Amino acid sequence: HDPAAGVKNADVVYTDVWTSMGCESEAEERNSIFSSYQVNQKLLGEARADALFMHCLPAKRGLEVTDEVMESVQSIAFDQAENRLHVQKALLLMMLQ
């Protein structure tokens, strides 16, 4: 229930969208409930100084994560997405053989 305590000394801070596809009618309520869990520079500052930020994308900037964090050197969200793409291609190739 305490985001700062949750990331205290963390090596990685990971978040996802607050409202999944198909649940758009719950978006306003979820945004209100989860707003204190937004990964921003202040929250990321509670983690280790060398902590990494991850997100499975697509991100809703300004909701679950700020632009500042997404574009920071600590963010590996775009590398994460690229690596996921390569894994998905390998799985497709394996299934087609």
C-alpha atoms as a PDB file:
ATOM      1  CA  HIS A   1       0.000   0.000   0.000  1.00  0.00           C
ATOM      2  CA  ASP A   2       3.069   2.264   0.189  1.00  0.00           C
ATOM      3  CA  PRO A   3       4.762   2.761  -3.198  1.00  0.00           C
ATOM      4  CA  ALA A   4       7.891   4.298  -1.648  1.00  0.00           C
ATOM      5  CA  ALA A   5       8.302   1.317   0.685  1.00  0.00           C
ATOM      6  CA  GLY A   6       7.632  -0.994  -2.257  1.00  0.00           C
ATOM      7  CA  VAL A   7      10.552   0.324  -4.291  1.00  0.00           C
ATOM      8  CA  LYS A   8      12.916   0.970  -1.353  1.00  0.00           C
ATOM      9  CA  ASN A   9      16.372  -0.333  -2.372  1.00  0.00           C
ATOM     10  CA  ALA A  10      14.899  -2.036  -5.459  1.00  0.00           C
ATOM     11  CA  ASP A  11      17.178  -2.959  -8.347  1.00  0.00           C
ATOM     12  CA  VAL A  12      14.295  -2.697 -10.831  1.00  0.00           C
ATOM     13  CA  VAL A  13      11.035  -0.767 -10.824  1.00  0.00           C
ATOM     14  CA  TYR A  14       8.435  -2.268 -13.173  1.00  0.00           C
ATOM     15  CA  THR A  15       4.964  -1.000 -14.005  1.00  0.00           C
ATOM     16  CA  ASP A  16       2.228  -1.630 -16.520  1.00  0.00           C
ATOM     17  CA  VAL A  17      -0.859   0.182 -17.773  1.00  0.00           C
ATOM     18  CA  TRP A  18      -3.545   0.629 -15.167  1.00  0.00           C
ATOM     19  CA  THR A  19      -6.431  -0.208 -17.479  1.00  0.00           C
ATOM     20  CA  SER A  20      -6.163  -3.205 -19.781  1.00  0.00           C
ATOM     21  CA  MET A  21      -7.835  -3.457 -23.169  1.00  0.00           C
ATOM     22  CA  GLY A  22     -11.463  -4.344 -22.759  1.00  0.00           C
ATOM     23  CA  CYS A  23     -11.699  -2.601 -19.372  1.00  0.00           C
ATOM     24  CA  GLU A  24     -11.777   0.957 -20.675  1.00  0.00           C
ATOM     25  CA  SER A  25     -14.998   1.656 -18.780  1.00  0.00           C
ATOM     26  CA  GLU A  26     -12.967   1.312 -15.545  1.00  0.00           C
ATOM     27  CA  ALA A  27     -10.234   3.751 -16.616  1.00  0.00           C
ATOM     28  CA  GLU A  28     -11.381   6.793 -14.657  1.00  0.00           C
ATOM     29  CA  GLU A  29     -11.785   4.823 -11.430  1.00  0.00           C
ATOM     30  CA  ARG A  30      -8.463   3.005 -11.867  1.00  0.00           C
ATOM     31  CA  ASN A  31      -6.605   6.238 -12.633  1.00  0.00           C
ATOM     32  CA  SER A  32      -7.932   7.689  -9.401  1.00  0.00           C
ATOM     33  CA  ILE A  33      -7.074   4.597  -7.347  1.00  0.00           C
ATOM     34  CA  PHE A  34      -3.580   4.091  -8.779  1.00  0.00           C
ATOM     35  CA  SER A  35      -2.425   7.715  -9.104  1.00  0.00           C
ATOM     36  CA  SER A  36      -0.204   7.442  -6.011  1.00  0.00           C
ATOM     37  CA  TYR A  37       1.602   4.535  -7.710  1.00  0.00           C
ATOM     38  CA  GLN A  38       2.792   6.603 -10.681  1.00  0.00           C
ATOM     39  CA  VAL A  39       6.459   5.959 -11.367  1.00  0.00           C
ATOM     40  CA  ASN A  40       7.948   9.431 -11.354  1.00  0.00           C
ATOM     41  CA  GLN A  41      11.419  10.715 -10.515  1.00  0.00           C
ATOM     42  CA  LYS A  42      10.549  11.052  -6.826  1.00  0.00           C
ATOM     43  CA  LEU A  43       9.375   7.429  -6.552  1.00  0.00           C
ATOM     44  CA  LEU A  44      12.269   6.113  -8.629  1.00  0.00           C
ATOM     45  CA  GLY A  45      14.570   8.040  -6.293  1.00  0.00           C
ATOM     46  CA  GLU A  46      13.469   5.717  -3.474  1.00  0.00           C
ATOM     47  CA  ALA A  47      15.017   2.769  -5.322  1.00  0.00           C
ATOM     48  CA  ARG A  48      18.739   2.131  -5.555  1.00  0.00           C
ATOM     49  CA  ALA A  49      20.685   4.857  -7.353  1.00  0.00           C
ATOM     50  CA  ASP A  50      21.439   2.438 -10.208  1.00  0.00           C
ATOM     51  CA  ALA A  51      17.911   0.980 -10.363  1.00  0.00           C
ATOM     52  CA  LEU A  52      16.425   0.301 -13.778  1.00  0.00           C
ATOM     53  CA  PHE A  53      12.907   1.119 -14.942  1.00  0.00           C
ATOM     54  CA  MET A  54      10.916  -1.387 -16.994  1.00  0.00           C
ATOM     55  CA  HIS A  55       7.513  -1.264 -18.710  1.00  0.00           C
ATOM     56  CA  CYS A  56       6.037  -3.815 -21.093  1.00  0.00           C
ATOM     57  CA  LEU A  57       4.682  -0.998 -23.329  1.00  0.00           C
ATOM     58  CA  PRO A  58       2.699   0.666 -24.636  1.00  0.00           C
ATOM     59  CA  ALA A  59       2.913   3.165 -21.806  1.00  0.00           C
ATOM     60  CA  LYS A  60       0.364   5.812 -20.994  1.00  0.00           C
ATOM     61  CA  ARG A  61       2.693   8.643 -20.138  1.00  0.00           C
ATOM     62  CA  GLY A  62       1.431  10.939 -17.468  1.00  0.00           C
ATOM     63  CA  LEU A  63      -0.524   8.107 -15.869  1.00  0.00           C
ATOM     64  CA  GLU A  64       1.525   5.118 -14.739  1.00  0.00           C
ATOM     65  CA  VAL A  65       4.849   6.712 -15.685  1.00  0.00           C
ATOM     66  CA  THR A  66       6.132  10.197 -16.400  1.00  0.00           C
ATOM     67  CA  ASP A  67       7.985  11.264 -19.532  1.00  0.00           C
ATOM     68  CA  GLU A  68      10.960  12.084 -17.326  1.00  0.00           C
ATOM     69  CA  VAL A  69      11.292   8.455 -16.187  1.00  0.00           C
ATOM     70  CA  MET A  70      10.513   6.907 -19.609  1.00  0.00           C
ATOM     71  CA  GLU A  71      13.225   8.982 -21.258  1.00  0.00           C
ATOM     72  CA  SER A  72      15.771   8.646 -18.441  1.00  0.00           C
ATOM     73  CA  VAL A  73      19.009   6.672 -18.639  1.00  0.00           C
ATOM     74  CA  GLN A  74      17.487   4.338 -16.055  1.00  0.00           C
ATOM     75  CA  SER A  75      14.705   3.296 -18.445  1.00  0.00           C
ATOM     76  CA  ILE A  76      15.293   0.090 -20.362  1.00  0.00           C
ATOM     77  CA  ALA A  77      11.671  -0.170 -21.525  1.00  0.00           C
ATOM     78  CA  PHE A  78      12.551   0.214 -25.217  1.00  0.00           C
ATOM     79  CA  ASP A  79      15.344  -2.375 -25.031  1.00  0.00           C
ATOM     80  CA  GLN A  80      12.907  -4.632 -23.202  1.00  0.00           C
ATOM     81  CA  ALA A  81      10.369  -4.273 -26.030  1.00  0.00           C
ATOM     82  CA  GLU A  82      13.016  -4.945 -28.670  1.00  0.00           C
ATOM     83  CA  ASN A  83      14.176  -8.075 -26.877  1.00  0.00           C
ATOM     84  CA  ARG A  84      10.567  -9.264 -26.572  1.00  0.00           C
ATOM     85  CA  LEU A  85      10.178  -8.830 -30.337  1.00  0.00           C
ATOM     86  CA  HIS A  86      13.199 -11.058 -31.010  1.00  0.00           C
ATOM     87  CA  VAL A  87      11.909 -13.718 -28.603  1.00  0.00           C
ATOM     88  CA  GLN A  88       8.495 -13.658 -30.283  1.00  0.00           C
ATOM     89  CA  LYS A  89      10.116 -14.083 -33.709  1.00  0.00           C
ATOM     90  CA  ALA A  90      12.160 -17.033 -32.420  1.00  0.00           C
ATOM     91  CA  LEU A  91       9.049 -18.666 -30.991  1.00  0.00           C
ATOM     92  CA  LEU A  92       7.201 -18.242 -34.291  1.00  0.00           C
ATOM     93  CA  LEU A  93      10.097 -19.774 -36.172  1.00  0.00           C
ATOM     94  CA  MET A  94      10.256 -22.696 -33.762  1.00  0.00           C
ATOM     95  CA  MET A  95       6.512 -23.342 -34.078  1.00  0.00           C
ATOM     96  CA  LEU A  96       6.629 -23.224 -37.888  1.00  0.00           C
ATOM     97  CA  GLN A  97       9.347 -25.853 -38.170  1.00  0.00           C
END
